[in-house]
Amino acid sequence: MKINVVKEEENYIEAEFGGEGHTLLNLVQSSLLEDPNVEMAGYTKTHPLMDKSILFIKMRNGKNPYDALKKATENAEQKLSEFITEFQKSS
């Protein structure tokens, strides 16, 4: 996976992801939106045939979008671990 920050402003970033689509970015977006300091989080695929997606993060209260992204990915990882544990119990 390639990640490239294509735009950075105070309280805002746009990061381009290569090799990732809706599956990962939807999970990250959902985790970001659980953070009350995140004003807006979303993503777009630039074109269905292109292997790139752009993630947008805008923060409230002067908070750092990089910190929010790290927290969101850790949260997503925890959710996936819980899912795997529960799934294994049920099978």
PDB file of N, CA and C in Angstrom:
ATOM      1  N   MET A   1       0.849  -1.168   0.000  1.00  0.00           N
ATOM      2  CA  MET A   1       0.000   0.000   0.000  1.00  0.00           C
ATOM      3  C   MET A   1       0.899   1.237   0.000  1.00  0.00           C
ATOM      4  N   LYS A   2       0.559   2.177  -0.846  1.00  0.00           N
ATOM      5  CA  LYS A   2       1.261   3.455  -0.881  1.00  0.00           C
ATOM      6  C   LYS A   2       0.346   4.523  -0.307  1.00  0.00           C
ATOM      7  N   ILE A   3       0.894   5.377   0.550  1.00  0.00           N
ATOM      8  CA  ILE A   3       0.146   6.494   1.108  1.00  0.00           C
ATOM      9  C   ILE A   3       0.936   7.763   0.826  1.00  0.00           C
ATOM     10  N   ASN A   4       0.243   8.763   0.286  1.00  0.00           N
ATOM     11  CA  ASN A   4       0.882  10.021  -0.049  1.00  0.00           C
ATOM     12  C   ASN A   4      -0.046  11.161   0.378  1.00  0.00           C
ATOM     13  N   VAL A   5       0.429  12.025   1.259  1.00  0.00           N
ATOM     14  CA  VAL A   5      -0.368  13.188   1.659  1.00  0.00           C
ATOM     15  C   VAL A   5      -0.298  14.187   0.513  1.00  0.00           C
ATOM     16  N   VAL A   6      -1.451  14.472  -0.095  1.00  0.00           N
ATOM     17  CA  VAL A   6      -1.483  15.346  -1.267  1.00  0.00           C
ATOM     18  C   VAL A   6      -1.895  16.773  -0.913  1.00  0.00           C
ATOM     19  N   LYS A   7      -2.495  16.960   0.262  1.00  0.00           N
ATOM     20  CA  LYS A   7      -2.874  18.300   0.699  1.00  0.00           C
ATOM     21  C   LYS A   7      -2.840  18.331   2.213  1.00  0.00           C
ATOM     22  N   GLU A   8      -2.252  19.388   2.744  1.00  0.00           N
ATOM     23  CA  GLU A   8      -2.154  19.519   4.197  1.00  0.00           C
ATOM     24  C   GLU A   8      -2.368  20.986   4.566  1.00  0.00           C
ATOM     25  N   GLU A   9      -3.344  21.214   5.404  1.00  0.00           N
ATOM     26  CA  GLU A   9      -3.630  22.536   5.944  1.00  0.00           C
ATOM     27  C   GLU A   9      -3.830  22.379   7.438  1.00  0.00           C
ATOM     28  N   GLU A  10      -3.983  23.495   8.122  1.00  0.00           N
ATOM     29  CA  GLU A  10      -4.250  23.408   9.546  1.00  0.00           C
ATOM     30  C   GLU A  10      -5.574  22.675   9.748  1.00  0.00           C
ATOM     31  N   ASN A  11      -5.569  21.623  10.528  1.00  0.00           N
ATOM     32  CA  ASN A  11      -6.754  20.821  10.868  1.00  0.00           C
ATOM     33  C   ASN A  11      -7.295  19.997   9.708  1.00  0.00           C
ATOM     34  N   TYR A  12      -6.557  19.852   8.617  1.00  0.00           N
ATOM     35  CA  TYR A  12      -7.098  19.167   7.430  1.00  0.00           C
ATOM     36  C   TYR A  12      -5.982  18.465   6.657  1.00  0.00           C
ATOM     37  N   ILE A  13      -6.276  17.234   6.223  1.00  0.00           N
ATOM     38  CA  ILE A  13      -5.369  16.538   5.302  1.00  0.00           C
ATOM     39  C   ILE A  13      -6.179  15.777   4.258  1.00  0.00           C
ATOM     40  N   GLU A  14      -5.544  15.568   3.122  1.00  0.00           N
ATOM     41  CA  GLU A  14      -6.016  14.658   2.092  1.00  0.00           C
ATOM     42  C   GLU A  14      -4.867  13.693   1.829  1.00  0.00           C
ATOM     43  N   ALA A  15      -5.153  12.414   1.941  1.00  0.00           N
ATOM     44  CA  ALA A  15      -4.134  11.390   1.740  1.00  0.00           C
ATOM     45  C   ALA A  15      -4.575  10.459   0.621  1.00  0.00           C
ATOM     46  N   GLU A  16      -3.671  10.215  -0.309  1.00  0.00           N
ATOM     47  CA  GLU A  16      -3.934   9.328  -1.437  1.00  0.00           C
ATOM     48  C   GLU A  16      -3.442   7.925  -1.088  1.00  0.00           C
ATOM     49  N   PHE A  17      -4.317   6.955  -1.269  1.00  0.00           N
ATOM     50  CA  PHE A  17      -3.990   5.552  -0.989  1.00  0.00           C
ATOM     51  C   PHE A  17      -3.938   4.794  -2.302  1.00  0.00           C
ATOM     52  N   GLY A  18      -2.826   4.133  -2.548  1.00  0.00           N
ATOM     53  CA  GLY A  18      -2.708   3.283  -3.726  1.00  0.00           C
ATOM     54  C   GLY A  18      -2.912   1.836  -3.324  1.00  0.00           C
ATOM     55  N   GLY A  19      -3.683   1.122  -4.112  1.00  0.00           N
ATOM     56  CA  GLY A  19      -3.884  -0.297  -3.844  1.00  0.00           C
ATOM     57  C   GLY A  19      -4.969  -0.597  -2.834  1.00  0.00           C
ATOM     58  N   GLU A  20      -5.729   0.405  -2.432  1.00  0.00           N
ATOM     59  CA  GLU A  20      -6.805   0.195  -1.466  1.00  0.00           C
ATOM     60  C   GLU A  20      -8.106   0.754  -2.020  1.00  0.00           C
ATOM     61  N   GLY A  21      -9.198   0.146  -1.626  1.00  0.00           N
ATOM     62  CA  GLY A  21     -10.498   0.580  -2.108  1.00  0.00           C
ATOM     63  C   GLY A  21     -11.464   0.793  -0.973  1.00  0.00           C
ATOM     64  N   HIS A  22     -12.709   0.491  -1.251  1.00  0.00           N
ATOM     65  CA  HIS A  22     -13.784   0.760  -0.307  1.00  0.00           C
ATOM     66  C   HIS A  22     -13.647  -0.021   1.005  1.00  0.00           C
ATOM     67  N   THR A  23     -13.170  -1.229   0.952  1.00  0.00           N
ATOM     68  CA  THR A  23     -13.140  -2.069   2.151  1.00  0.00           C
ATOM     69  C   THR A  23     -12.361  -1.413   3.279  1.00  0.00           C
ATOM     70  N   LEU A  24     -11.128  -1.067   3.038  1.00  0.00           N
ATOM     71  CA  LEU A  24     -10.299  -0.462   4.084  1.00  0.00           C
ATOM     72  C   LEU A  24     -10.736   0.962   4.389  1.00  0.00           C
ATOM     73  N   LEU A  25     -10.952   1.759   3.365  1.00  0.00           N
ATOM     74  CA  LEU A  25     -11.239   3.172   3.599  1.00  0.00           C
ATOM     75  C   LEU A  25     -12.594   3.392   4.261  1.00  0.00           C
ATOM     76  N   ASN A  26     -13.564   2.551   3.998  1.00  0.00           N
ATOM     77  CA  ASN A  26     -14.851   2.659   4.678  1.00  0.00           C
ATOM     78  C   ASN A  26     -14.679   2.375   6.170  1.00  0.00           C
ATOM     79  N   LEU A  27     -13.879   1.383   6.504  1.00  0.00           N
ATOM     80  CA  LEU A  27     -13.600   1.059   7.902  1.00  0.00           C
ATOM     81  C   LEU A  27     -12.885   2.213   8.598  1.00  0.00           C
ATOM     82  N   VAL A  28     -11.887   2.789   7.940  1.00  0.00           N
ATOM     83  CA  VAL A  28     -11.146   3.912   8.518  1.00  0.00           C
ATOM     84  C   VAL A  28     -12.066   5.126   8.676  1.00  0.00           C
ATOM     85  N   GLN A  29     -12.858   5.408   7.659  1.00  0.00           N
ATOM     86  CA  GLN A  29     -13.785   6.535   7.729  1.00  0.00           C
ATOM     87  C   GLN A  29     -14.750   6.365   8.901  1.00  0.00           C
ATOM     88  N   SER A  30     -15.333   5.193   9.037  1.00  0.00           N
ATOM     89  CA  SER A  30     -16.267   4.941  10.146  1.00  0.00           C
ATOM     90  C   SER A  30     -15.593   5.142  11.498  1.00  0.00           C
ATOM     91  N   SER A  31     -14.378   4.677  11.625  1.00  0.00           N
ATOM     92  CA  SER A  31     -13.640   4.843  12.882  1.00  0.00           C
ATOM     93  C   SER A  31     -13.316   6.310  13.141  1.00  0.00           C
ATOM     94  N   LEU A  32     -12.961   7.039  12.096  1.00  0.00           N
ATOM     95  CA  LEU A  32     -12.696   8.468  12.253  1.00  0.00           C
ATOM     96  C   LEU A  32     -13.933   9.211  12.744  1.00  0.00           C
ATOM     97  N   LEU A  33     -15.082   8.869  12.190  1.00  0.00           N
ATOM     98  CA  LEU A  33     -16.315   9.575  12.533  1.00  0.00           C
ATOM     99  C   LEU A  33     -16.787   9.302  13.964  1.00  0.00           C
ATOM    100  N   GLU A  34     -16.233   8.306  14.617  1.00  0.00           N
ATOM    101  CA  GLU A  34     -16.536   8.055  16.028  1.00  0.00           C
ATOM    102  C   GLU A  34     -15.820   9.038  16.949  1.00  0.00           C
ATOM    103  N   ASP A  35     -14.821   9.720  16.435  1.00  0.00           N
ATOM    104  CA  ASP A  35     -14.034  10.681  17.209  1.00  0.00           C
ATOM    105  C   ASP A  35     -14.768  12.025  17.217  1.00  0.00           C
ATOM    106  N   PRO A  36     -15.142  12.546  18.392  1.00  0.00           N
ATOM    107  CA  PRO A  36     -15.880  13.810  18.440  1.00  0.00           C
ATOM    108  C   PRO A  36     -15.075  15.009  17.938  1.00  0.00           C
ATOM    109  N   ASN A  37     -13.757  14.875  17.859  1.00  0.00           N
ATOM    110  CA  ASN A  37     -12.923  15.960  17.350  1.00  0.00           C
ATOM    111  C   ASN A  37     -12.845  15.991  15.823  1.00  0.00           C
ATOM    112  N   VAL A  38     -13.366  14.959  15.173  1.00  0.00           N
ATOM    113  CA  VAL A  38     -13.372  14.915  13.712  1.00  0.00           C
ATOM    114  C   VAL A  38     -14.632  15.617  13.223  1.00  0.00           C
ATOM    115  N   GLU A  39     -14.438  16.672  12.457  1.00  0.00           N
ATOM    116  CA  GLU A  39     -15.573  17.410  11.890  1.00  0.00           C
ATOM    117  C   GLU A  39     -16.094  16.717  10.641  1.00  0.00           C
ATOM    118  N   MET A  40     -15.172  16.211   9.815  1.00  0.00           N
ATOM    119  CA  MET A  40     -15.556  15.561   8.568  1.00  0.00           C
ATOM    120  C   MET A  40     -14.511  14.509   8.223  1.00  0.00           C
ATOM    121  N   ALA A  41     -14.972  13.356   7.774  1.00  0.00           N
ATOM    122  CA  ALA A  41     -14.087  12.316   7.262  1.00  0.00           C
ATOM    123  C   ALA A  41     -14.812  11.644   6.103  1.00  0.00           C
ATOM    124  N   GLY A  42     -14.113  11.464   5.025  1.00  0.00           N
ATOM    125  CA  GLY A  42     -14.709  10.823   3.862  1.00  0.00           C
ATOM    126  C   GLY A  42     -13.616  10.362   2.921  1.00  0.00           C
ATOM    127  N   TYR A  43     -14.024   9.654   1.913  1.00  0.00           N
ATOM    128  CA  TYR A  43     -13.057   9.213   0.913  1.00  0.00           C
ATOM    129  C   TYR A  43     -13.751   9.131  -0.433  1.00  0.00           C
ATOM    130  N   THR A  44     -12.947   9.099  -1.467  1.00  0.00           N
ATOM    131  CA  THR A  44     -13.454   8.938  -2.815  1.00  0.00           C
ATOM    132  C   THR A  44     -12.464   8.118  -3.630  1.00  0.00           C
ATOM    133  N   LYS A  45     -13.008   7.348  -4.532  1.00  0.00           N
ATOM    134  CA  LYS A  45     -12.162   6.674  -5.527  1.00  0.00           C
ATOM    135  C   LYS A  45     -12.142   7.590  -6.742  1.00  0.00           C
ATOM    136  N   THR A  46     -10.957   7.928  -7.208  1.00  0.00           N
ATOM    137  CA  THR A  46     -10.840   8.892  -8.291  1.00  0.00           C
ATOM    138  C   THR A  46     -11.465   8.402  -9.589  1.00  0.00           C
ATOM    139  N   HIS A  47     -11.418   7.093  -9.828  1.00  0.00           N
ATOM    140  CA  HIS A  47     -12.010   6.492 -11.026  1.00  0.00           C
ATOM    141  C   HIS A  47     -12.110   4.994 -10.774  1.00  0.00           C
ATOM    142  N   PRO A  48     -13.182   4.346 -11.222  1.00  0.00           N
ATOM    143  CA  PRO A  48     -13.332   2.906 -10.946  1.00  0.00           C
ATOM    144  C   PRO A  48     -12.178   2.038 -11.460  1.00  0.00           C
ATOM    145  N   LEU A  49     -11.525   2.463 -12.511  1.00  0.00           N
ATOM    146  CA  LEU A  49     -10.427   1.673 -13.061  1.00  0.00           C
ATOM    147  C   LEU A  49      -9.065   2.077 -12.507  1.00  0.00           C
ATOM    148  N   MET A  50      -9.028   3.164 -11.740  1.00  0.00           N
ATOM    149  CA  MET A  50      -7.765   3.618 -11.149  1.00  0.00           C
ATOM    150  C   MET A  50      -7.573   2.938  -9.798  1.00  0.00           C
ATOM    151  N   ASP A  51      -6.330   2.716  -9.458  1.00  0.00           N
ATOM    152  CA  ASP A  51      -5.996   2.045  -8.211  1.00  0.00           C
ATOM    153  C   ASP A  51      -5.661   3.065  -7.118  1.00  0.00           C
ATOM    154  N   LYS A  52      -6.435   4.160  -7.055  1.00  0.00           N
ATOM    155  CA  LYS A  52      -6.170   5.206  -6.073  1.00  0.00           C
ATOM    156  C   LYS A  52      -7.470   5.644  -5.410  1.00  0.00           C
ATOM    157  N   SER A  53      -7.345   5.991  -4.142  1.00  0.00           N
ATOM    158  CA  SER A  53      -8.457   6.565  -3.379  1.00  0.00           C
ATOM    159  C   SER A  53      -7.898   7.721  -2.570  1.00  0.00           C
ATOM    160  N   ILE A  54      -8.753   8.704  -2.280  1.00  0.00           N
ATOM    161  CA  ILE A  54      -8.348   9.861  -1.487  1.00  0.00           C
ATOM    162  C   ILE A  54      -9.177   9.890  -0.207  1.00  0.00           C
ATOM    163  N   LEU A  55      -8.497   9.974   0.941  1.00  0.00           N
ATOM    164  CA  LEU A  55      -9.139  10.094   2.246  1.00  0.00           C
ATOM    165  C   LEU A  55      -9.035  11.547   2.693  1.00  0.00           C
ATOM    166  N   PHE A  56     -10.157  12.121   3.140  1.00  0.00           N
ATOM    167  CA  PHE A  56     -10.228  13.503   3.606  1.00  0.00           C
ATOM    168  C   PHE A  56     -10.506  13.501   5.105  1.00  0.00           C
ATOM    169  N   ILE A  57      -9.764  14.302   5.856  1.00  0.00           N
ATOM    170  CA  ILE A  57      -9.997  14.413   7.302  1.00  0.00           C
ATOM    171  C   ILE A  57      -9.933  15.887   7.692  1.00  0.00           C
ATOM    172  N   LYS A  58     -11.009  16.382   8.298  1.00  0.00           N
ATOM    173  CA  LYS A  58     -11.036  17.749   8.821  1.00  0.00           C
ATOM    174  C   LYS A  58     -11.368  17.686  10.304  1.00  0.00           C
ATOM    175  N   MET A  59     -10.575  18.402  11.096  1.00  0.00           N
ATOM    176  CA  MET A  59     -10.696  18.342  12.549  1.00  0.00           C
ATOM    177  C   MET A  59     -11.340  19.591  13.132  1.00  0.00           C
ATOM    178  N   ARG A  60     -11.861  19.446  14.349  1.00  0.00           N
ATOM    179  CA  ARG A  60     -12.376  20.559  15.146  1.00  0.00           C
ATOM    180  C   ARG A  60     -11.320  20.982  16.174  1.00  0.00           C
ATOM    181  N   ASN A  61     -11.479  22.143  16.713  1.00  0.00           N
ATOM    182  CA  ASN A  61     -10.733  22.594  17.901  1.00  0.00           C
ATOM    183  C   ASN A  61      -9.217  22.522  17.770  1.00  0.00           C
ATOM    184  N   GLY A  62      -8.690  22.719  16.579  1.00  0.00           N
ATOM    185  CA  GLY A  62      -7.238  22.716  16.397  1.00  0.00           C
ATOM    186  C   GLY A  62      -6.574  21.373  16.605  1.00  0.00           C
ATOM    187  N   LYS A  63      -7.336  20.298  16.561  1.00  0.00           N
ATOM    188  CA  LYS A  63      -6.777  18.958  16.768  1.00  0.00           C
ATOM    189  C   LYS A  63      -6.014  18.501  15.525  1.00  0.00           C
ATOM    190  N   ASN A  64      -5.125  17.561  15.717  1.00  0.00           N
ATOM    191  CA  ASN A  64      -4.242  17.078  14.659  1.00  0.00           C
ATOM    192  C   ASN A  64      -4.897  15.918  13.894  1.00  0.00           C
ATOM    193  N   PRO A  65      -5.049  16.044  12.563  1.00  0.00           N
ATOM    194  CA  PRO A  65      -5.665  14.955  11.806  1.00  0.00           C
ATOM    195  C   PRO A  65      -4.816  13.679  11.776  1.00  0.00           C
ATOM    196  N   TYR A  66      -3.499  13.823  11.886  1.00  0.00           N
ATOM    197  CA  TYR A  66      -2.639  12.634  11.910  1.00  0.00           C
ATOM    198  C   TYR A  66      -2.885  11.817  13.178  1.00  0.00           C
ATOM    199  N   ASP A  67      -3.064  12.508  14.299  1.00  0.00           N
ATOM    200  CA  ASP A  67      -3.371  11.810  15.558  1.00  0.00           C
ATOM    201  C   ASP A  67      -4.716  11.101  15.466  1.00  0.00           C
ATOM    202  N   ALA A  68      -5.693  11.766  14.835  1.00  0.00           N
ATOM    203  CA  ALA A  68      -7.017  11.159  14.678  1.00  0.00           C
ATOM    204  C   ALA A  68      -6.942   9.927  13.777  1.00  0.00           C
ATOM    205  N   LEU A  69      -6.148   9.990  12.727  1.00  0.00           N
ATOM    206  CA  LEU A  69      -6.003   8.842  11.823  1.00  0.00           C
ATOM    207  C   LEU A  69      -5.349   7.670  12.538  1.00  0.00           C
ATOM    208  N   LYS A  70      -4.333   7.956  13.326  1.00  0.00           N
ATOM    209  CA  LYS A  70      -3.675   6.882  14.084  1.00  0.00           C
ATOM    210  C   LYS A  70      -4.658   6.241  15.065  1.00  0.00           C
ATOM    211  N   LYS A  71      -5.398   7.073  15.788  1.00  0.00           N
ATOM    212  CA  LYS A  71      -6.387   6.571  16.754  1.00  0.00           C
ATOM    213  C   LYS A  71      -7.466   5.746  16.040  1.00  0.00           C
ATOM    214  N   ALA A  72      -7.911   6.219  14.881  1.00  0.00           N
ATOM    215  CA  ALA A  72      -8.958   5.518  14.126  1.00  0.00           C
ATOM    216  C   ALA A  72      -8.468   4.163  13.632  1.00  0.00           C
ATOM    217  N   THR A  73      -7.231   4.083  13.175  1.00  0.00           N
ATOM    218  CA  THR A  73      -6.719   2.798  12.686  1.00  0.00           C
ATOM    219  C   THR A  73      -6.528   1.820  13.844  1.00  0.00           C
ATOM    220  N   GLU A  74      -6.114   2.325  14.990  1.00  0.00           N
ATOM    221  CA  GLU A  74      -6.007   1.452  16.168  1.00  0.00           C
ATOM    222  C   GLU A  74      -7.382   0.952  16.593  1.00  0.00           C
ATOM    223  N   ASN A  75      -8.380   1.818  16.531  1.00  0.00           N
ATOM    224  CA  ASN A  75      -9.759   1.456  16.856  1.00  0.00           C
ATOM    225  C   ASN A  75     -10.276   0.394  15.879  1.00  0.00           C
ATOM    226  N   ALA A  76     -10.001   0.593  14.600  1.00  0.00           N
ATOM    227  CA  ALA A  76     -10.433  -0.371  13.583  1.00  0.00           C
ATOM    228  C   ALA A  76      -9.756  -1.723  13.801  1.00  0.00           C
ATOM    229  N   GLU A  77      -8.479  -1.695  14.143  1.00  0.00           N
ATOM    230  CA  GLU A  77      -7.752  -2.942  14.407  1.00  0.00           C
ATOM    231  C   GLU A  77      -8.377  -3.691  15.589  1.00  0.00           C
ATOM    232  N   GLN A  78      -8.754  -2.961  16.625  1.00  0.00           N
ATOM    233  CA  GLN A  78      -9.387  -3.579  17.796  1.00  0.00           C
ATOM    234  C   GLN A  78     -10.730  -4.194  17.417  1.00  0.00           C
ATOM    235  N   LYS A  79     -11.518  -3.480  16.614  1.00  0.00           N
ATOM    236  CA  LYS A  79     -12.807  -4.014  16.181  1.00  0.00           C
ATOM    237  C   LYS A  79     -12.633  -5.295  15.375  1.00  0.00           C
ATOM    238  N   LEU A  80     -11.651  -5.316  14.496  1.00  0.00           N
ATOM    239  CA  LEU A  80     -11.406  -6.521  13.695  1.00  0.00           C
ATOM    240  C   LEU A  80     -10.957  -7.684  14.568  1.00  0.00           C
ATOM    241  N   SER A  81     -10.133  -7.406  15.563  1.00  0.00           N
ATOM    242  CA  SER A  81      -9.694  -8.458  16.487  1.00  0.00           C
ATOM    243  C   SER A  81     -10.881  -9.034  17.262  1.00  0.00           C
ATOM    244  N   GLU A  82     -11.771  -8.152  17.724  1.00  0.00           N
ATOM    245  CA  GLU A  82     -12.967  -8.609  18.431  1.00  0.00           C
ATOM    246  C   GLU A  82     -13.857  -9.440  17.508  1.00  0.00           C
ATOM    247  N   PHE A  83     -13.984  -9.008  16.272  1.00  0.00           N
ATOM    248  CA  PHE A  83     -14.793  -9.742  15.300  1.00  0.00           C
ATOM    249  C   PHE A  83     -14.227 -11.144  15.076  1.00  0.00           C
ATOM    250  N   ILE A  84     -12.919 -11.238  14.884  1.00  0.00           N
ATOM    251  CA  ILE A  84     -12.281 -12.541  14.652  1.00  0.00           C
ATOM    252  C   ILE A  84     -12.501 -13.452  15.855  1.00  0.00           C
ATOM    253  N   THR A  85     -12.336 -12.913  17.063  1.00  0.00           N
ATOM    254  CA  THR A  85     -12.532 -13.709  18.278  1.00  0.00           C
ATOM    255  C   THR A  85     -13.955 -14.244  18.363  1.00  0.00           C
ATOM    256  N   GLU A  86     -14.927 -13.379  18.154  1.00  0.00           N
ATOM    257  CA  GLU A  86     -16.335 -13.800  18.218  1.00  0.00           C
ATOM    258  C   GLU A  86     -16.688 -14.768  17.095  1.00  0.00           C
ATOM    259  N   PHE A  87     -16.137 -14.541  15.927  1.00  0.00           N
ATOM    260  CA  PHE A  87     -16.393 -15.434  14.798  1.00  0.00           C
ATOM    261  C   PHE A  87     -15.833 -16.828  15.073  1.00  0.00           C
ATOM    262  N   GLN A  88     -14.655 -16.890  15.630  1.00  0.00           N
ATOM    263  CA  GLN A  88     -14.039 -18.179  15.952  1.00  0.00           C
ATOM    264  C   GLN A  88     -14.814 -18.917  17.027  1.00  0.00           C
ATOM    265  N   LYS A  89     -15.399 -18.191  17.974  1.00  0.00           N
ATOM    266  CA  LYS A  89     -16.214 -18.816  19.004  1.00  0.00           C
ATOM    267  C   LYS A  89     -17.472 -19.448  18.421  1.00  0.00           C
ATOM    268  N   SER A  90     -18.015 -18.814  17.399  1.00  0.00           N
ATOM    269  CA  SER A  90     -19.285 -19.280  16.839  1.00  0.00           C
ATOM    270  C   SER A  90     -19.121 -20.433  15.846  1.00  0.00           C
ATOM    271  N   SER A  91     -17.908 -20.703  15.415  1.00  0.00           N
ATOM    272  CA  SER A  91     -17.750 -21.790  14.431  1.00  0.00           C
ATOM    273  C   SER A  91     -17.180 -23.042  15.003  1.00  0.00           C
TER     274      SER A  91
END
